[in-house]
N, C-alpha and C. Protein backbone atom coordinates (compact mmCIF):
# COMPACT_ATOMS: atom_id res chain seq x y z
N MET A 1 -16.05 36.25 49.58
CA MET A 1 -15.29 37.31 50.41
C MET A 1 -13.73 36.97 50.32
N ILE A 2 -13.19 37.90 50.07
CA ILE A 2 -11.44 37.61 50.59
C ILE A 2 -11.00 38.94 51.66
N ILE A 3 -10.29 37.92 52.54
CA ILE A 3 -9.81 39.17 53.63
C ILE A 3 -8.18 39.03 53.30
N VAL A 4 -7.78 40.20 52.88
CA VAL A 4 -6.11 40.38 52.80
C VAL A 4 -5.85 41.35 53.87
N LYS A 5 -4.46 40.81 54.48
CA LYS A 5 -3.86 41.41 55.85
C LYS A 5 -2.72 41.95 55.31
N ILE A 6 -2.71 43.38 55.65
CA ILE A 6 -1.40 44.16 55.33
C ILE A 6 -0.85 44.32 56.57
N TRP A 7 0.05 43.48 57.16
CA TRP A 7 0.79 43.28 58.49
C TRP A 7 2.06 43.47 58.50
N GLY A 8 2.35 44.46 58.79
CA GLY A 8 4.03 45.10 58.85
C GLY A 8 4.60 45.54 57.72
N GLN A 9 5.84 45.51 57.51
CA GLN A 9 6.53 46.15 56.04
C GLN A 9 5.74 46.00 54.91
N ILE A 10 5.75 47.01 54.33
CA ILE A 10 5.04 47.30 52.93
C ILE A 10 6.32 46.99 52.08
N ASP A 11 6.19 46.08 51.14
CA ASP A 11 7.24 45.86 50.48
C ASP A 11 7.04 45.07 49.51
N ARG A 12 7.79 44.65 48.24
CA ARG A 12 7.54 44.00 47.10
C ARG A 12 6.96 42.54 47.10
N THR A 13 7.47 41.74 48.44
CA THR A 13 6.70 40.31 48.83
C THR A 13 5.21 40.83 49.06
N MET A 14 4.84 41.72 49.67
CA MET A 14 3.49 41.87 50.09
C MET A 14 2.62 42.44 48.65
N SER A 15 3.24 43.16 48.13
CA SER A 15 2.34 43.64 47.01
C SER A 15 2.20 42.56 45.90
N ASN A 16 3.49 41.57 45.89
CA ASN A 16 3.23 40.44 45.05
C ASN A 16 1.89 39.71 45.39
N LEU A 17 2.08 39.50 46.92
CA LEU A 17 0.84 38.27 47.62
C LEU A 17 -0.35 39.17 47.41
N VAL A 18 -0.73 40.40 47.53
CA VAL A 18 -1.86 41.09 47.23
C VAL A 18 -2.28 40.65 45.78
N ASP A 19 -1.53 40.72 44.72
CA ASP A 19 -1.87 40.24 43.27
C ASP A 19 -2.22 39.16 43.39
N VAL A 20 -1.45 38.01 43.76
CA VAL A 20 -2.06 36.56 43.92
C VAL A 20 -3.39 36.47 44.61
N GLU A 21 -3.71 37.19 45.74
CA GLU A 21 -4.99 37.24 46.58
C GLU A 21 -6.41 37.46 45.50
N LEU A 22 -5.74 38.94 45.19
CA LEU A 22 -7.11 39.50 44.12
C LEU A 22 -7.24 38.65 42.77
N ALA A 23 -6.31 37.91 42.52
CA ALA A 23 -6.59 37.15 41.42
C ALA A 23 -7.52 35.72 41.72
N GLN A 24 -7.77 35.69 42.72
CA GLN A 24 -8.77 34.55 43.46
C GLN A 24 -10.50 35.08 43.28
N LEU A 25 -10.53 36.26 43.20
CA LEU A 25 -11.81 36.78 42.69
C LEU A 25 -12.70 36.04 41.87
N LYS A 26 -14.11 35.58 42.35
CA LYS A 26 -14.58 34.70 41.56
C LYS A 26 -15.57 35.85 40.62
N ASP A 27 -15.79 36.86 41.41
CA ASP A 27 -16.90 37.67 40.55
C ASP A 27 -16.93 39.21 41.04
N ASP A 28 -17.27 39.83 40.56
CA ASP A 28 -17.09 41.37 40.69
C ASP A 28 -18.31 41.70 42.15
N ASN A 29 -19.12 40.42 42.76
CA ASN A 29 -20.13 41.06 43.80
C ASN A 29 -19.09 40.35 44.83
N GLU A 30 -18.12 39.87 44.76
CA GLU A 30 -17.14 39.10 46.06
C GLU A 30 -16.19 40.30 46.86
N PRO A 31 -16.66 40.77 47.83
CA PRO A 31 -16.33 41.97 48.65
C PRO A 31 -14.69 41.72 49.09
N VAL A 32 -13.79 42.63 49.19
CA VAL A 32 -12.25 42.24 49.46
C VAL A 32 -12.16 43.58 50.55
N ILE A 33 -12.18 43.00 51.68
CA ILE A 33 -11.67 43.09 53.04
C ILE A 33 -10.37 43.13 53.25
N VAL A 34 -9.72 44.48 53.47
CA VAL A 34 -8.49 44.61 53.82
C VAL A 34 -8.12 45.39 55.32
N LEU A 35 -7.33 44.10 55.98
CA LEU A 35 -7.00 44.53 57.40
C LEU A 35 -5.64 45.05 57.23
N ILE A 36 -5.48 46.15 58.05
CA ILE A 36 -4.27 46.89 58.25
C ILE A 36 -3.86 47.14 59.62
N ASN A 37 -2.13 46.63 59.54
CA ASN A 37 -1.49 46.55 60.74
C ASN A 37 -0.38 47.16 60.46
N SER A 38 -0.12 48.21 60.06
CA SER A 38 1.01 48.60 59.27
C SER A 38 1.96 49.93 59.63
N GLU A 39 3.12 49.99 59.81
CA GLU A 39 3.83 51.23 60.03
C GLU A 39 4.27 51.73 58.59
N GLY A 40 3.88 51.28 57.64
CA GLY A 40 4.06 51.96 56.29
C GLY A 40 5.17 51.05 55.55
N GLY A 41 6.12 51.42 54.79
CA GLY A 41 7.09 50.64 54.24
C GLY A 41 7.65 51.74 52.61
N ILE A 42 7.73 50.79 51.77
CA ILE A 42 7.97 51.18 50.41
C ILE A 42 7.01 51.90 49.68
N LEU A 43 7.10 53.04 49.36
CA LEU A 43 6.04 53.97 48.80
C LEU A 43 5.65 53.43 47.17
N SER A 44 6.95 52.93 46.26
CA SER A 44 6.33 52.02 45.36
C SER A 44 5.56 51.27 45.58
N ASP A 45 5.97 50.36 46.37
CA ASP A 45 5.04 49.05 46.50
C ASP A 45 3.67 49.33 47.10
N ALA A 46 3.56 50.48 48.13
CA ALA A 46 2.08 50.74 48.57
C ALA A 46 1.58 51.28 47.06
N ILE A 47 1.83 51.92 46.09
CA ILE A 47 1.26 52.49 45.07
C ILE A 47 0.52 51.15 44.17
N ALA A 48 1.47 50.50 44.33
CA ALA A 48 1.39 49.10 43.51
C ALA A 48 0.36 48.41 44.11
N ILE A 49 0.22 48.40 45.60
CA ILE A 49 -1.03 47.60 46.09
C ILE A 49 -2.24 48.58 45.67
N CYS A 50 -2.43 49.77 46.24
CA CYS A 50 -3.22 50.78 45.34
C CYS A 50 -3.93 50.52 44.12
N ASN A 51 -3.19 50.40 43.29
CA ASN A 51 -3.39 50.32 41.66
C ASN A 51 -4.02 48.75 41.61
N LEU A 52 -3.65 47.90 42.21
CA LEU A 52 -4.09 46.37 42.27
C LEU A 52 -5.55 46.63 42.83
N LEU A 53 -5.71 47.30 44.20
CA LEU A 53 -7.19 47.11 44.24
C LEU A 53 -7.87 48.12 43.52
N ASN A 54 -7.68 49.00 42.78
CA ASN A 54 -8.40 49.93 42.46
C ASN A 54 -8.68 49.47 40.89
N ALA A 55 -7.89 48.47 40.43
CA ALA A 55 -8.07 47.71 39.21
C ALA A 55 -9.28 46.92 39.08
N VAL A 56 -9.76 46.06 40.42
CA VAL A 56 -10.79 45.21 40.73
C VAL A 56 -12.03 46.16 40.95
N PRO A 57 -12.99 45.91 40.20
CA PRO A 57 -14.34 46.44 40.63
C PRO A 57 -15.00 46.06 41.86
N ASN A 58 -14.66 45.06 42.33
CA ASN A 58 -15.18 44.57 43.52
C ASN A 58 -15.11 45.84 44.93
N LYS A 59 -16.26 45.53 45.67
CA LYS A 59 -16.30 46.46 46.70
C LYS A 59 -15.33 46.38 47.69
N LYS A 60 -14.31 47.34 47.89
CA LYS A 60 -13.16 47.18 48.98
C LYS A 60 -13.64 47.85 50.06
N ILE A 61 -13.15 47.11 51.39
CA ILE A 61 -13.63 47.65 52.85
C ILE A 61 -12.18 47.52 53.37
N THR A 62 -11.46 48.81 53.83
CA THR A 62 -10.55 48.47 54.66
C THR A 62 -10.61 48.99 56.02
N ILE A 63 -10.19 48.41 57.00
CA ILE A 63 -9.81 48.44 58.32
C ILE A 63 -8.72 48.56 58.61
N ALA A 64 -8.62 49.98 59.44
CA ALA A 64 -7.47 50.13 60.23
C ALA A 64 -7.64 49.61 61.65
N ILE A 65 -6.86 48.46 61.94
CA ILE A 65 -7.06 47.52 62.98
C ILE A 65 -5.89 47.65 64.42
N GLY A 66 -4.78 48.32 63.59
CA GLY A 66 -3.74 48.65 64.15
C GLY A 66 -3.09 50.03 63.83
N ALA A 67 -1.99 49.78 63.49
CA ALA A 67 -0.85 50.83 63.00
C ALA A 67 -1.46 50.89 61.77
N CYS A 68 -1.99 52.26 61.08
CA CYS A 68 -2.14 52.71 60.00
C CYS A 68 -1.40 54.21 59.33
N ALA A 69 -0.07 53.66 59.09
CA ALA A 69 0.55 54.90 59.32
C ALA A 69 1.54 54.71 57.71
N SER A 70 1.90 56.11 57.27
CA SER A 70 2.83 56.36 56.02
C SER A 70 1.98 55.88 54.85
N ALA A 71 2.98 54.81 54.29
CA ALA A 71 2.33 54.14 53.06
C ALA A 71 0.86 53.16 53.34
N ALA A 72 0.83 52.88 54.68
CA ALA A 72 0.11 51.98 54.83
C ALA A 72 -1.75 53.09 54.76
N ALA A 73 -1.16 54.47 55.25
CA ALA A 73 -2.72 55.25 55.07
C ALA A 73 -3.08 55.39 53.43
N MET A 74 -2.42 55.51 52.61
CA MET A 74 -2.56 55.38 51.26
C MET A 74 -3.47 54.01 50.97
N ILE A 75 -3.41 53.01 51.44
CA ILE A 75 -3.87 51.86 51.18
C ILE A 75 -5.22 51.93 51.90
N PHE A 76 -5.40 52.34 53.19
CA PHE A 76 -6.38 52.64 53.70
C PHE A 76 -7.70 53.45 52.86
N ALA A 77 -6.91 54.50 52.18
CA ALA A 77 -7.81 55.37 51.19
C ALA A 77 -8.56 54.59 50.42
N CYS A 78 -8.01 53.46 50.02
CA CYS A 78 -8.88 52.86 48.98
C CYS A 78 -10.15 52.21 49.28
N GLY A 79 -10.45 52.04 50.49
CA GLY A 79 -11.72 51.19 50.79
C GLY A 79 -13.02 52.53 50.32
N LYS A 80 -13.61 51.64 49.72
CA LYS A 80 -15.20 52.51 49.52
C LYS A 80 -15.85 52.77 51.04
N THR A 81 -15.72 51.82 52.00
CA THR A 81 -16.01 52.04 53.48
C THR A 81 -14.70 51.83 54.01
N ARG A 82 -14.35 52.56 54.84
CA ARG A 82 -12.96 52.68 55.43
C ARG A 82 -13.36 52.78 57.32
N TYR A 83 -13.33 51.54 57.91
CA TYR A 83 -13.34 51.74 59.30
C TYR A 83 -11.99 51.47 60.22
N VAL A 84 -12.40 52.14 61.26
CA VAL A 84 -11.08 52.52 62.13
C VAL A 84 -11.46 51.80 63.65
N ALA A 85 -10.55 51.18 64.18
CA ALA A 85 -10.92 50.84 65.41
C ALA A 85 -10.34 51.51 66.51
N LYS A 86 -10.86 51.37 67.66
CA LYS A 86 -10.96 52.44 68.82
C LYS A 86 -9.66 52.80 68.95
N ASP A 87 -8.96 52.03 68.94
CA ASP A 87 -7.17 51.91 69.65
C ASP A 87 -6.22 52.13 68.33
N ALA A 88 -6.71 51.89 66.93
CA ALA A 88 -6.00 52.03 65.91
C ALA A 88 -4.98 53.38 66.21
N GLN A 89 -3.89 53.36 65.24
CA GLN A 89 -3.06 54.41 65.17
C GLN A 89 -2.85 54.73 63.81
N TYR A 90 -3.40 56.21 63.66
CA TYR A 90 -3.36 56.46 62.19
C TYR A 90 -2.35 57.96 61.66
N MET A 91 -1.29 57.77 61.25
CA MET A 91 -0.19 58.46 60.88
C MET A 91 0.24 58.90 59.42
N ILE A 92 0.24 59.95 59.18
CA ILE A 92 0.32 60.72 57.91
C ILE A 92 1.62 61.45 58.01
N HIS A 93 2.66 61.31 56.81
CA HIS A 93 3.90 62.24 56.97
C HIS A 93 4.12 62.54 55.10
N GLN A 94 5.34 63.19 55.02
CA GLN A 94 5.99 63.31 53.62
C GLN A 94 6.35 61.57 53.41
N PRO A 95 6.60 61.40 52.20
CA PRO A 95 7.03 60.27 51.91
C PRO A 95 8.75 60.33 52.13
N LEU A 96 9.45 59.45 52.48
CA LEU A 96 10.85 59.22 52.86
C LEU A 96 11.43 58.62 51.90
N ILE A 97 13.17 58.89 51.58
CA ILE A 97 13.89 58.49 50.62
C ILE A 97 14.80 58.07 51.22
N ASN A 98 15.62 57.10 50.90
CA ASN A 98 16.79 56.75 51.21
C ASN A 98 18.22 56.96 50.30
N PRO A 99 18.89 58.32 50.56
CA PRO A 99 20.11 58.38 49.65
C PRO A 99 21.14 57.80 49.88
N GLY A 100 21.16 56.39 50.94
CA GLY A 100 22.31 56.00 51.20
C GLY A 100 23.06 56.16 52.70
N ASP A 101 22.50 57.46 53.02
CA ASP A 101 23.02 57.39 54.58
C ASP A 101 22.09 57.79 55.22
N GLY A 102 20.91 57.45 55.20
CA GLY A 102 19.36 57.53 55.92
C GLY A 102 18.30 58.13 55.39
N TYR A 103 17.13 57.91 55.70
CA TYR A 103 15.94 58.51 55.36
C TYR A 103 15.85 60.02 55.39
N LEU A 104 15.59 60.59 54.07
CA LEU A 104 15.28 61.98 54.05
C LEU A 104 13.99 61.96 53.80
N ASN A 105 13.05 63.39 54.21
CA ASN A 105 11.89 63.51 53.61
C ASN A 105 11.51 64.65 52.32
N TYR A 106 10.97 64.87 51.94
CA TYR A 106 11.07 66.06 50.82
C TYR A 106 11.69 67.23 51.26
N THR A 107 11.25 67.93 52.53
CA THR A 107 11.60 69.11 53.12
C THR A 107 13.17 69.22 53.33
N GLU A 108 13.49 68.09 53.85
CA GLU A 108 15.07 67.96 54.20
C GLU A 108 15.98 68.14 52.98
N ASN A 109 15.28 67.42 51.69
CA ASN A 109 16.44 67.32 50.83
C ASN A 109 16.03 68.23 49.69
N GLY A 110 17.19 69.25 49.44
CA GLY A 110 16.98 70.55 48.51
C GLY A 110 17.05 69.96 47.28
N ARG A 111 17.46 69.05 47.11
CA ARG A 111 17.94 68.73 45.54
C ARG A 111 17.20 67.61 45.10
N ILE A 112 15.74 67.82 45.24
CA ILE A 112 14.78 66.48 45.23
C ILE A 112 14.74 66.21 43.62
N GLN A 113 14.21 65.04 43.42
CA GLN A 113 14.18 64.24 42.13
C GLN A 113 12.61 64.67 41.92
N THR A 114 12.15 64.75 40.56
CA THR A 114 10.81 65.05 40.25
C THR A 114 10.19 63.77 40.64
N GLY A 115 10.53 62.60 40.37
CA GLY A 115 9.93 61.51 40.84
C GLY A 115 9.07 61.43 42.55
N LEU A 116 9.92 61.99 42.90
CA LEU A 116 9.70 62.34 44.56
C LEU A 116 8.69 63.24 44.53
N LYS A 117 8.70 64.09 43.72
CA LYS A 117 7.70 65.43 43.76
C LYS A 117 6.12 64.68 43.31
N LYS A 118 6.34 63.70 42.25
CA LYS A 118 5.11 63.01 42.15
C LYS A 118 4.91 62.50 42.81
N SER A 119 5.51 61.45 43.57
CA SER A 119 5.33 60.72 44.65
C SER A 119 4.35 61.32 45.61
N LEU A 120 5.08 62.53 46.31
CA LEU A 120 4.34 63.22 47.34
C LEU A 120 2.95 63.96 46.77
N ALA A 121 2.99 64.46 45.54
CA ALA A 121 1.60 64.78 45.01
C ALA A 121 0.54 63.21 45.00
N LEU A 122 1.04 62.25 44.43
CA LEU A 122 0.14 61.00 44.57
C LEU A 122 -0.38 60.82 45.91
N TYR A 123 0.76 60.86 46.89
CA TYR A 123 0.39 60.53 48.30
C TYR A 123 -0.41 61.33 48.80
N LYS A 124 -0.51 62.70 48.52
CA LYS A 124 -1.36 63.60 49.05
C LYS A 124 -2.66 63.59 48.42
N LYS A 125 -2.90 63.39 46.94
CA LYS A 125 -3.87 62.86 46.61
C LYS A 125 -4.60 61.72 47.33
N TYR A 126 -3.94 60.73 47.55
CA TYR A 126 -4.81 59.81 48.16
C TYR A 126 -5.33 59.82 49.28
N ILE A 127 -4.23 60.56 50.41
CA ILE A 127 -4.77 60.80 51.76
C ILE A 127 -5.42 61.79 51.63
N THR A 128 -5.85 62.87 51.00
CA THR A 128 -6.92 63.74 51.22
C THR A 128 -8.03 63.51 50.29
N LYS A 129 -8.33 62.22 49.34
CA LYS A 129 -9.50 62.00 48.63
C LYS A 129 -10.78 61.78 49.71
N ASN A 130 -11.89 62.93 49.64
CA ASN A 130 -12.97 62.55 50.40
C ASN A 130 -13.03 63.07 51.64
N THR A 131 -11.72 63.43 51.99
CA THR A 131 -11.69 63.96 53.30
C THR A 131 -11.73 65.49 53.85
N THR A 132 -11.90 65.67 54.73
CA THR A 132 -11.98 67.23 55.58
C THR A 132 -10.82 67.30 56.41
N ILE A 133 -9.81 66.98 56.00
CA ILE A 133 -8.39 67.08 57.08
C ILE A 133 -8.31 68.54 56.98
N PRO A 134 -8.25 69.13 58.06
CA PRO A 134 -7.92 70.63 57.96
C PRO A 134 -6.55 71.00 57.36
N LYS A 135 -6.73 72.24 56.60
CA LYS A 135 -5.18 72.48 55.91
C LYS A 135 -4.17 72.55 56.91
N GLU A 136 -4.44 73.11 57.99
CA GLU A 136 -3.28 73.29 59.03
C GLU A 136 -2.42 71.95 59.53
N VAL A 137 -3.18 70.88 59.35
CA VAL A 137 -2.96 69.42 59.68
C VAL A 137 -2.23 69.11 58.41
N LEU A 138 -2.63 69.56 57.69
CA LEU A 138 -2.01 69.01 56.33
C LEU A 138 -0.56 69.58 56.00
N ASP A 139 -0.28 71.07 56.14
CA ASP A 139 0.86 71.67 56.48
C ASP A 139 1.46 71.36 57.28
N ILE A 140 1.02 70.80 58.31
CA ILE A 140 2.27 70.31 59.30
C ILE A 140 3.04 69.03 58.76
N ALA A 141 2.20 68.14 58.09
CA ALA A 141 2.55 67.03 57.44
C ALA A 141 3.41 67.30 56.07
N PHE A 142 2.94 67.84 55.43
CA PHE A 142 3.51 68.16 54.11
C PHE A 142 4.23 69.50 53.82
N LYS A 143 4.14 70.19 54.54
CA LYS A 143 5.41 71.18 54.09
C LYS A 143 6.17 71.27 55.57
N GLN A 144 5.62 70.96 56.50
CA GLN A 144 7.07 71.16 57.39
C GLN A 144 7.80 69.79 57.79
N GLY A 145 7.04 68.66 57.10
CA GLY A 145 7.78 67.49 56.80
C GLY A 145 7.71 66.85 58.27
N LEU A 146 6.64 67.00 59.31
CA LEU A 146 6.77 66.33 60.92
C LEU A 146 5.39 65.03 60.71
N ASP A 147 5.73 64.49 61.34
CA ASP A 147 4.65 63.12 61.43
C ASP A 147 3.31 63.77 62.28
N VAL A 148 2.23 63.48 61.68
CA VAL A 148 0.59 63.69 62.03
C VAL A 148 0.21 62.83 62.47
N GLU A 149 0.03 62.23 63.74
CA GLU A 149 -0.75 61.50 64.41
C GLU A 149 -2.35 61.67 64.43
N ILE A 150 -3.06 60.98 63.79
CA ILE A 150 -4.71 61.47 63.96
C ILE A 150 -5.44 60.36 64.76
N THR A 151 -6.26 60.80 65.72
CA THR A 151 -6.95 60.09 66.48
C THR A 151 -8.06 59.14 65.74
N PRO A 152 -8.67 58.12 66.32
CA PRO A 152 -9.50 57.10 65.56
C PRO A 152 -10.76 58.33 65.81
N LYS A 153 -11.05 59.12 66.78
CA LYS A 153 -12.01 59.98 66.88
C LYS A 153 -12.41 60.95 65.88
N ASP A 154 -11.11 61.71 65.44
CA ASP A 154 -10.49 62.61 64.12
C ASP A 154 -10.70 61.93 62.92
N CYS A 155 -10.27 60.69 62.66
CA CYS A 155 -10.58 59.66 61.55
C CYS A 155 -11.81 59.87 61.07
N ILE A 156 -12.63 59.86 62.17
CA ILE A 156 -14.40 59.68 61.70
C ILE A 156 -14.91 61.27 61.42
N LYS A 157 -14.23 62.19 62.11
CA LYS A 157 -14.77 63.74 62.06
C LYS A 157 -14.14 64.31 60.80
N TYR A 158 -12.79 63.59 60.46
CA TYR A 158 -12.24 64.49 59.05
C TYR A 158 -12.61 63.46 57.79
N ASN A 159 -13.38 62.57 57.76
CA ASN A 159 -13.98 61.49 56.91
C ASN A 159 -12.70 60.71 56.24
N ILE A 160 -11.78 60.91 57.35
CA ILE A 160 -10.79 59.70 56.89
C ILE A 160 -11.47 58.19 56.72
N ALA A 161 -11.83 57.98 58.02
CA ALA A 161 -12.85 56.78 57.87
C ALA A 161 -14.10 57.06 57.86
N THR A 162 -14.92 56.15 57.62
CA THR A 162 -16.46 56.48 57.09
C THR A 162 -16.95 55.41 58.80
N HIS A 163 -16.50 54.86 59.16
CA HIS A 163 -17.00 53.91 60.54
C HIS A 163 -16.00 53.60 61.37
N ASN A 164 -16.83 53.33 62.73
CA ASN A 164 -15.75 52.92 63.45
C ASN A 164 -16.11 51.51 63.64
N PHE A 165 -14.86 50.65 63.85
CA PHE A 165 -14.91 49.18 63.85
C PHE A 165 -15.01 48.81 65.03
N THR A 166 -16.14 47.85 65.55
CA THR A 166 -16.33 47.41 66.68
C THR A 166 -16.31 45.98 66.80
N THR A 167 -17.37 45.33 65.70
CA THR A 167 -17.41 43.79 65.90
C THR A 167 -17.64 43.47 64.47
N TRP A 168 -17.31 42.25 64.09
CA TRP A 168 -17.30 41.61 62.81
C TRP A 168 -18.93 41.68 62.49
N ASN A 169 -19.71 41.06 63.09
CA ASN A 169 -20.92 41.14 63.09
C ASN A 169 -21.78 42.28 62.68
N LYS A 170 -21.13 43.38 63.43
CA LYS A 170 -21.75 44.89 63.21
C LYS A 170 -21.19 45.36 61.25
N LEU A 171 -19.93 44.91 61.19
CA LEU A 171 -19.48 45.19 60.03
C LEU A 171 -20.07 44.52 58.81
N TYR A 172 -20.58 43.07 59.19
CA TYR A 172 -20.83 42.28 58.22
C TYR A 172 -22.44 42.88 57.59
N LYS A 173 -23.22 43.23 58.88
CA LYS A 173 -24.41 43.87 58.94
C LYS A 173 -24.23 45.09 57.89
N ASN A 174 -23.34 45.81 58.10
CA ASN A 174 -23.40 47.30 57.33
C ASN A 174 -23.28 47.01 56.00
N GLU A 175 -22.04 46.00 55.88
CA GLU A 175 -21.80 46.08 54.40
C GLU A 175 -22.62 44.58 53.74
N ASN A 176 -23.60 44.24 54.41
CA ASN A 176 -24.79 43.17 53.59
C ASN A 176 -24.06 41.93 53.16
N ILE A 177 -23.21 41.66 54.22
CA ILE A 177 -22.22 40.62 53.60
C ILE A 177 -23.05 39.22 54.30
N ASN A 178 -23.37 38.31 53.27
CA ASN A 178 -23.77 37.13 54.22
C ASN A 178 -22.86 36.22 54.32
N LEU A 179 -22.49 35.61 55.55
CA LEU A 179 -21.24 34.75 55.62
C LEU A 179 -21.53 33.42 55.17
N SER A 180 -22.98 32.74 55.02
CA SER A 180 -22.91 31.67 54.70
C SER A 180 -22.90 31.34 53.10
N GLU A 181 -22.76 32.36 52.33
CA GLU A 181 -22.45 32.18 50.94
C GLU A 181 -21.00 32.68 50.37
N GLU A 182 -20.18 33.13 51.29
CA GLU A 182 -19.05 33.65 51.31
C GLU A 182 -17.87 32.71 51.76
N ARG A 183 -16.96 32.87 50.83
CA ARG A 183 -15.86 32.35 51.32
C ARG A 183 -14.67 33.03 51.92
N VAL A 184 -13.88 32.51 52.77
CA VAL A 184 -12.90 33.31 53.17
C VAL A 184 -11.57 33.00 52.90
N LEU A 185 -10.64 33.69 52.27
CA LEU A 185 -9.14 33.45 52.36
C LEU A 185 -8.36 34.28 53.01
N ASN A 186 -7.42 33.99 53.87
CA ASN A 186 -6.39 34.61 54.71
C ASN A 186 -4.87 34.39 54.32
N PHE A 187 -4.22 35.41 54.37
CA PHE A 187 -2.91 35.15 54.16
C PHE A 187 -2.16 36.27 55.45
N ASP A 188 -0.92 35.86 55.82
CA ASP A 188 -0.23 36.69 56.71
C ASP A 188 1.32 36.85 56.02
N ILE A 189 1.48 37.88 56.27
CA ILE A 189 3.07 38.50 55.84
C ILE A 189 3.82 38.31 57.09
N GLU A 190 4.71 37.44 57.04
CA GLU A 190 5.66 37.00 58.07
C GLU A 190 7.04 37.87 57.89
N PRO A 191 7.45 38.74 59.10
CA PRO A 191 8.46 39.80 58.96
C PRO A 191 9.78 39.16 58.39
């Protein structure tokens, strides 16, 4: 088993480290657990992390352990099983761009580039895949351009998360992980 920690700002350094960590997988049966405590970051680097996770056939288990916001919510969606801690903070919104004088979202920028439109479509695709998030909630985030916080209880209700995260032992039991046969690799990203 490999535990990848997405802690803090999602950026190029983090996507490179995820790539290095995933290269350590020995076989297709080795599960990958992705712990998330991030308020987001650079969308292109989140997309890179999603692509890296999706490229390995191994079972991916994502856990929203603290903040799981913005670009981090995309990574969370990559889990075959997705766990949410009782006090986790899940938030979605439109991708932001920085034209040099502060961040703008899709709604605020009338002359949006095709690339950002594609990014918004990809972000929405990840966020809504296999979920039942109500249309009115999605409209607030994607049409009005506002931050939408979703409680852990509603994450379960809307199928954003598949399980509540309570203890490691319960997770290992749910996922049929035998710790005596697994290796654990951890890394942290320092801000």
